[in-house]
Amino acid sequence: MKTTIFNLFFAVVISGLAFTSCKKTDLTEMTATPNAAGTANANNAVKPSTGTASILNQDLSITYARDNGVDITPEFKDFTFQFDGTYPSGNAHVWNDLLSQTGKWSSPTESTDFVLWYPTNIFTQLAYLNREWTIVEASTSFYRLTAVDGDEVNFASKK
């Protein structure tokens, strides 16, 4: 018991030292530095890339999905997707003629990163999308996303 309390106390002290060793100017410089996908604004926040911002608030369909080298596009044939909200997060809706499901999207530290999470109790195939994607190609109507493992999913506007 004494060892556990000592370890907890030691961890708190070390954490406190780590947080207090950064000066406010260091933190300002770190948050003001733009990354490859975004630009710093006057408030030192990183704006989303064109790809992240343009994929939002429109009806999309999956035109291609590759899982471990296998084309799984037919699994998403009758689905419509919509990512609503504003950067850096929002709701991820999906529906077909009979059912709908709502999950979440976020675009964390890198503004070309696009993390999706859907419950899979209605549409089990959504488990494939539940991960971090990188938007590697974007226009106003087409978006190609890749995952670290090489998987790919393409969304196109249903306009």
Protein backbone atom coordinates (compact mmCIF):
# COMPACT_ATOMS: atom_id res chain seq x y z
CA MET A 1 0.00 0.00 0.00
CA LYS A 2 2.83 2.42 0.90
CA THR A 3 4.55 1.61 -2.39
CA THR A 4 1.38 2.40 -4.37
CA ILE A 5 0.90 5.72 -2.58
CA PHE A 6 4.58 6.61 -3.10
CA ASN A 7 4.38 5.75 -6.82
CA LEU A 8 1.22 7.82 -7.23
CA PHE A 9 2.80 10.78 -5.41
CA PHE A 10 5.98 10.46 -7.50
CA ALA A 11 3.95 10.40 -10.75
CA VAL A 12 2.01 13.53 -9.73
CA VAL A 13 5.23 15.41 -8.87
CA ILE A 14 6.91 14.45 -12.16
CA SER A 15 3.78 15.40 -14.15
CA GLY A 16 3.65 18.77 -12.40
CA LEU A 17 7.28 19.45 -13.23
CA ALA A 18 6.74 18.55 -16.86
CA PHE A 19 3.75 20.89 -17.22
CA THR A 20 5.40 23.82 -15.44
CA SER A 21 8.65 23.57 -17.40
CA CYS A 22 7.02 25.00 -20.57
CA LYS A 23 6.79 28.76 -20.83
CA LYS A 24 3.66 30.38 -22.23
CA THR A 25 5.66 31.65 -25.21
CA ASP A 26 6.74 28.07 -26.03
CA LEU A 27 3.10 26.98 -26.08
CA THR A 28 2.10 29.95 -28.25
CA GLU A 29 4.86 29.18 -30.74
CA MET A 30 3.87 25.51 -30.89
CA THR A 31 0.20 26.27 -31.56
CA ALA A 32 0.97 29.02 -34.06
CA THR A 33 3.19 26.82 -36.21
CA PRO A 34 1.22 25.62 -39.22
CA ASN A 35 1.40 22.01 -40.28
CA ALA A 36 1.67 20.74 -43.82
CA ALA A 37 -2.10 20.54 -44.21
CA GLY A 38 -3.28 23.73 -42.56
CA THR A 39 -2.38 27.32 -41.93
CA ALA A 40 -2.18 29.28 -38.70
CA ASN A 41 -4.73 32.05 -38.29
CA ALA A 42 -4.65 35.12 -36.09
CA ASN A 43 -5.94 33.14 -33.11
CA ASN A 44 -3.10 30.60 -33.46
CA ALA A 45 -5.52 27.81 -34.40
CA VAL A 46 -4.90 25.62 -37.41
CA LYS A 47 -7.56 25.93 -40.10
CA PRO A 48 -8.73 22.78 -41.84
CA SER A 49 -7.37 21.96 -45.26
CA THR A 50 -9.59 22.41 -48.29
CA GLY A 51 -10.22 18.65 -48.32
CA THR A 52 -11.47 18.45 -44.77
CA ALA A 53 -13.69 21.51 -45.07
CA SER A 54 -15.11 20.58 -48.48
CA ILE A 55 -16.12 17.01 -47.56
CA LEU A 56 -18.57 18.37 -44.99
CA ASN A 57 -22.31 19.03 -45.31
CA GLN A 58 -23.11 17.24 -48.55
CA ASP A 59 -24.60 13.90 -49.56
CA LEU A 60 -21.88 11.44 -50.58
CA SER A 61 -21.65 7.90 -51.85
CA ILE A 62 -18.73 5.49 -51.75
CA THR A 63 -17.51 4.93 -55.29
CA TYR A 64 -14.61 2.67 -54.32
CA ALA A 65 -13.49 0.87 -51.16
CA ARG A 66 -10.46 -1.41 -50.88
CA ASP A 67 -9.82 -3.56 -47.81
CA ASN A 68 -6.51 -5.49 -47.78
CA GLY A 69 -6.37 -5.33 -51.57
CA VAL A 70 -9.97 -6.55 -52.03
CA ASP A 71 -12.62 -4.37 -53.65
CA ILE A 72 -15.51 -4.13 -51.14
CA THR A 73 -17.38 -1.30 -52.88
CA PRO A 74 -20.60 -3.35 -53.30
CA GLU A 75 -21.00 -3.49 -49.49
CA PHE A 76 -21.77 0.27 -49.57
CA LYS A 77 -23.84 0.32 -52.79
CA ASP A 78 -27.09 1.77 -51.42
CA PHE A 79 -25.66 4.02 -48.71
CA THR A 80 -25.65 7.80 -48.51
CA PHE A 81 -23.14 9.47 -46.19
CA GLN A 82 -23.12 12.97 -44.78
CA PHE A 83 -20.55 14.50 -42.46
CA ASP A 84 -22.09 17.54 -40.82
CA GLY A 85 -20.80 20.04 -38.34
CA THR A 86 -17.78 22.27 -38.47
CA TYR A 87 -14.08 21.65 -38.09
CA PRO A 88 -12.74 19.91 -35.99
CA SER A 89 -15.67 17.48 -35.37
CA GLY A 90 -19.28 16.63 -36.04
CA ASN A 91 -21.80 13.91 -36.80
CA ALA A 92 -21.31 11.23 -39.43
CA HIS A 93 -24.66 10.14 -40.83
CA VAL A 94 -25.28 7.13 -43.06
CA TRP A 95 -28.56 5.83 -44.40
CA ASN A 96 -30.20 3.67 -47.02
CA ASP A 97 -33.85 3.33 -48.06
CA LEU A 98 -34.79 1.58 -44.81
CA LEU A 99 -32.46 2.50 -41.95
CA SER A 100 -30.09 5.18 -40.73
CA GLN A 101 -27.17 5.39 -38.32
CA THR A 102 -25.29 8.33 -36.82
CA GLY A 103 -21.67 8.24 -35.73
CA LYS A 104 -18.95 10.85 -35.29
CA TRP A 105 -16.12 12.34 -37.33
CA SER A 106 -13.18 14.39 -36.17
CA SER A 107 -10.12 15.93 -37.70
CA PRO A 108 -7.47 15.95 -34.99
CA THR A 109 -4.02 17.50 -34.97
CA GLU A 110 -3.34 17.13 -38.68
CA SER A 111 -6.14 18.72 -40.64
CA THR A 112 -5.95 16.15 -43.46
CA ASP A 113 -6.57 13.39 -40.92
CA PHE A 114 -10.20 12.34 -40.82
CA VAL A 115 -11.26 9.95 -38.05
CA LEU A 116 -14.58 8.14 -38.43
CA TRP A 117 -16.52 6.21 -35.83
CA TYR A 118 -19.86 4.52 -36.38
CA PRO A 119 -21.80 2.16 -34.15
CA THR A 120 -22.04 -1.14 -36.01
CA ASN A 121 -25.26 -2.56 -34.59
CA ILE A 122 -27.31 -1.63 -37.69
CA PHE A 123 -24.76 -1.66 -40.52
CA THR A 124 -21.92 -4.03 -39.62
CA GLN A 125 -19.91 -3.07 -42.71
CA LEU A 126 -19.31 0.38 -41.16
CA ALA A 127 -16.65 -1.24 -38.96
CA TYR A 128 -14.36 -0.92 -42.00
CA LEU A 129 -14.65 2.88 -41.84
CA ASN A 130 -13.97 3.12 -38.08
CA ARG A 131 -10.40 4.38 -38.13
CA GLU A 132 -8.17 7.29 -38.99
CA TRP A 133 -8.06 8.19 -42.67
CA THR A 134 -5.94 10.73 -44.51
CA ILE A 135 -7.55 12.82 -47.22
CA VAL A 136 -5.02 12.46 -50.05
CA GLU A 137 -7.13 13.92 -52.85
CA ALA A 138 -10.01 16.39 -52.62
CA SER A 139 -12.14 18.51 -54.88
CA THR A 140 -15.63 19.89 -54.45
CA SER A 141 -17.16 16.56 -55.47
CA PHE A 142 -14.55 13.77 -55.02
CA TYR A 143 -12.49 12.66 -52.00
CA ARG A 144 -9.90 9.88 -51.85
CA LEU A 145 -8.96 8.75 -48.35
CA THR A 146 -6.28 6.26 -47.38
CA ALA A 147 -5.46 4.50 -44.14
CA VAL A 148 -2.02 3.67 -42.74
CA ASP A 149 -2.42 0.02 -43.78
CA GLY A 150 -2.98 1.00 -47.44
CA ASP A 151 -6.76 0.63 -47.46
CA GLU A 152 -8.63 3.21 -49.51
CA VAL A 153 -12.11 4.67 -49.70
CA ASN A 154 -13.39 7.16 -52.26
CA PHE A 155 -16.41 9.36 -51.67
CA ALA A 156 -18.21 11.28 -54.43
CA SER A 157 -20.90 13.90 -54.19
CA LYS A 158 -24.40 12.71 -55.06
CA LYS A 159 -25.30 16.08 -56.68
